[in-house]
């Protein structure tokens, strides 16, 4: 994986915990990895029989690496998109069952911005799961009424949690 500013792959132990939480929910899911980076979360979902995984990453070299990994792995259920996530969400019409949101720590404001765009553009299915990750020295609270924390944990300098969306109608 190329070095990139703010590139911070989710540690293996956290990824293991997350996918233990989601064991029964990944197969058949429509998945969006908003800040794909090294692709660990999205590719893990693909390997666990997600129906479709969309990896969105702004960095060109990271996207090139992701495409190479997908080709090497024969990951037919993965789509790599090189684009800013806010632009992608503004024009997307897909609906997701599982979304990973772990922006570079220096761009933490994007967590709320992405959550708002997902809800405003009706991109989440009812009972969709949203994984969020943030620095351990920061507090992060869900501001959207449609979202509820299911689980939260700390691991060294990382906080992470799994929320669920309840959409009306």
Protein backbone atom coordinates (compact mmCIF):
# COMPACT_ATOMS: atom_id res chain seq x y z
CA UNK A 1 0.00 0.00 0.00
CA UNK A 2 1.42 3.41 -0.90
CA UNK A 3 2.13 5.91 1.85
CA UNK A 4 -0.42 8.69 1.90
CA UNK A 5 -1.09 11.65 4.12
CA UNK A 6 -3.64 10.64 6.71
CA UNK A 7 -3.64 7.01 5.55
CA UNK A 8 -4.29 4.99 8.65
CA UNK A 9 -5.37 1.40 8.12
CA UNK A 10 -7.78 0.06 10.74
CA UNK A 11 -5.73 -2.17 13.07
CA UNK A 12 -6.27 -5.93 12.70
CA UNK A 13 -7.63 -6.33 16.23
CA UNK A 14 -10.27 -3.64 15.69
CA UNK A 15 -11.21 -5.10 12.30
CA UNK A 16 -11.61 -8.52 13.92
CA UNK A 17 -13.90 -7.10 16.63
CA UNK A 18 -15.97 -5.20 14.08
CA UNK A 19 -16.55 -8.23 11.88
CA UNK A 20 -17.37 -10.36 14.92
CA UNK A 21 -20.12 -7.82 15.65
CA UNK A 22 -21.32 -8.05 12.04
CA UNK A 23 -20.93 -11.78 11.40
CA UNK A 24 -24.54 -12.37 10.38
CA UNK A 25 -25.06 -8.99 8.70
CA UNK A 26 -22.34 -8.85 6.04
CA UNK A 27 -23.42 -11.69 3.70
CA UNK A 28 -25.63 -10.20 1.00
CA UNK A 29 -25.06 -6.61 2.18
CA UNK A 30 -24.58 -3.56 -0.02
CA UNK A 31 -21.43 -1.98 1.50
CA UNK A 32 -19.84 1.46 1.18
CA UNK A 33 -16.31 2.18 2.39
CA UNK A 34 -16.17 5.98 2.43
CA UNK A 35 -12.44 6.47 2.98
CA UNK A 36 -11.14 3.19 1.59
CA UNK A 37 -7.41 3.90 1.95
CA UNK A 38 -5.72 0.49 2.14
CA UNK A 39 -9.08 -1.23 1.65
CA UNK A 40 -8.95 -3.40 4.75
CA UNK A 41 -12.56 -2.93 5.84
CA UNK A 42 -14.15 -3.06 2.40
CA UNK A 43 -12.11 -6.03 1.20
CA UNK A 44 -12.86 -7.89 4.42
CA UNK A 45 -16.58 -7.33 3.79
CA UNK A 46 -16.15 -8.57 0.22
CA UNK A 47 -14.43 -11.73 1.46
CA UNK A 48 -17.35 -12.30 3.85
CA UNK A 49 -19.84 -12.48 0.98
CA UNK A 50 -21.11 -8.92 0.80
CA UNK A 51 -23.26 -8.61 -2.31
CA UNK A 52 -21.48 -5.45 -3.51
CA UNK A 53 -18.71 -3.34 -1.99
CA UNK A 54 -18.00 0.19 -3.17
CA UNK A 55 -14.60 1.55 -2.18
CA UNK A 56 -14.40 5.34 -2.47
CA UNK A 57 -10.95 6.87 -2.15
CA UNK A 58 -9.72 10.30 -3.19
CA UNK A 59 -6.00 9.45 -3.47
CA UNK A 60 -4.98 8.26 -6.95
CA UNK A 61 -2.12 5.98 -5.85
CA UNK A 62 -4.30 4.36 -3.19
CA UNK A 63 -6.97 3.68 -5.85
CA UNK A 64 -4.40 2.16 -8.17
CA UNK A 65 -3.26 -0.13 -5.36
CA UNK A 66 -6.88 -1.04 -4.50
CA UNK A 67 -7.64 -1.93 -8.11
CA UNK A 68 -4.53 -4.12 -8.25
CA UNK A 69 -5.52 -5.87 -5.02
CA UNK A 70 -9.04 -6.50 -6.31
CA UNK A 71 -7.67 -7.95 -9.52
CA UNK A 72 -5.20 -10.16 -7.63
CA UNK A 73 -7.95 -11.37 -5.31
CA UNK A 74 -10.50 -11.85 -8.10
CA UNK A 75 -12.89 -9.64 -6.11
CA UNK A 76 -15.77 -9.41 -8.59
CA UNK A 77 -18.08 -7.84 -6.00
CA UNK A 78 -15.87 -4.77 -5.45
CA UNK A 79 -15.97 -1.43 -7.26
CA UNK A 80 -13.19 1.14 -6.71
CA UNK A 81 -14.09 4.79 -7.27
CA UNK A 82 -11.54 7.59 -7.18
CA UNK A 83 -13.50 10.58 -5.95
CA UNK A 84 -14.03 12.82 -2.97
CA UNK A 85 -16.64 11.10 -0.79
CA UNK A 86 -18.82 14.19 -0.47
CA UNK A 87 -19.04 14.49 -4.26
CA UNK A 88 -19.77 10.78 -4.56
CA UNK A 89 -22.58 10.93 -1.99
CA UNK A 90 -24.10 14.04 -3.58
CA UNK A 91 -24.66 12.10 -6.83
CA UNK A 92 -25.19 8.53 -5.64
CA UNK A 93 -28.55 6.79 -5.79
CA UNK A 94 -27.50 3.46 -4.27
CA UNK A 95 -28.76 2.42 -0.85
CA UNK A 96 -26.45 0.77 1.65
CA UNK A 97 -26.77 -1.78 4.43
CA UNK A 98 -23.29 -1.19 5.87
CA UNK A 99 -21.11 1.92 5.72
CA UNK A 100 -17.55 2.42 6.98
CA UNK A 101 -16.62 5.99 7.95
CA UNK A 102 -13.04 6.45 9.15
CA UNK A 103 -11.62 9.65 7.64
CA UNK A 104 -8.06 10.80 8.29
CA UNK A 105 -7.95 12.12 11.83
CA UNK A 106 -7.06 15.63 10.63
CA UNK A 107 -10.36 15.65 8.68
CA UNK A 108 -12.60 14.51 11.52
CA UNK A 109 -15.32 16.99 10.55
CA UNK A 110 -16.03 14.68 7.60
CA UNK A 111 -17.63 12.09 9.91
CA UNK A 112 -20.67 14.30 10.53
CA UNK A 113 -20.67 15.63 6.98
CA UNK A 114 -20.79 12.10 5.52
CA UNK A 115 -23.48 10.99 7.98
CA UNK A 116 -25.60 14.00 7.06
CA UNK A 117 -25.20 13.37 3.31
CA UNK A 118 -26.08 9.69 3.71
CA UNK A 119 -29.31 10.61 5.50
CA UNK A 120 -30.27 13.68 3.43
CA UNK A 121 -29.80 11.76 0.18
CA UNK A 122 -31.68 8.70 1.47
CA UNK A 123 -28.70 6.39 0.89
CA UNK A 124 -29.20 4.14 3.93
CA UNK A 125 -31.56 1.21 4.17
CA UNK A 126 -33.58 0.85 7.36
CA UNK A 127 -31.46 -0.84 10.02
CA UNK A 128 -28.24 -0.07 8.11
CA UNK A 129 -25.07 -0.34 10.17
CA UNK A 130 -22.53 2.48 10.27
CA UNK A 131 -19.00 1.90 11.55
CA UNK A 132 -17.19 5.01 12.78
CA UNK A 133 -13.62 5.49 13.96
CA UNK A 134 -12.03 8.52 15.64
CA UNK A 135 -8.95 9.45 17.70
CA UNK A 136 -8.94 8.33 21.31
CA UNK A 137 -8.29 11.86 22.54
CA UNK A 138 -11.50 13.20 20.95
CA UNK A 139 -15.13 12.90 21.92
CA UNK A 140 -17.54 11.98 19.16
CA UNK A 141 -21.33 12.03 19.49
CA UNK A 142 -24.01 11.11 17.00
CA UNK A 143 -25.99 14.24 16.14
CA UNK A 144 -28.49 12.62 13.79
CA UNK A 145 -31.75 11.46 15.41
CA UNK A 146 -31.98 8.49 13.01
CA UNK A 147 -28.75 6.99 14.39
CA UNK A 148 -28.25 5.03 17.59
CA UNK A 149 -25.08 3.56 19.03
CA UNK A 150 -25.10 -0.23 19.28
CA UNK A 151 -21.53 -0.67 20.48
CA UNK A 152 -18.49 1.48 21.26
CA UNK A 153 -14.96 0.54 22.25
CA UNK A 154 -11.49 2.00 22.77
CA UNK A 155 -8.28 0.37 21.64
CA UNK A 156 -5.08 2.23 22.47
CA UNK A 157 -5.31 5.60 20.67
CA UNK A 158 -8.44 4.68 18.68
CA UNK A 159 -12.12 4.87 19.53
CA UNK A 160 -14.65 3.12 17.35
CA UNK A 161 -18.28 2.25 17.33
CA UNK A 162 -21.13 0.69 15.45
CA UNK A 163 -24.34 2.65 14.99
CA UNK A 164 -27.61 1.68 13.39
CA UNK A 165 -29.93 3.77 11.28
CA UNK A 166 -33.70 3.81 11.63
CA UNK A 167 -35.26 5.50 8.65
CA UNK A 168 -38.89 6.50 8.67
CA UNK A 169 -41.34 5.50 6.00
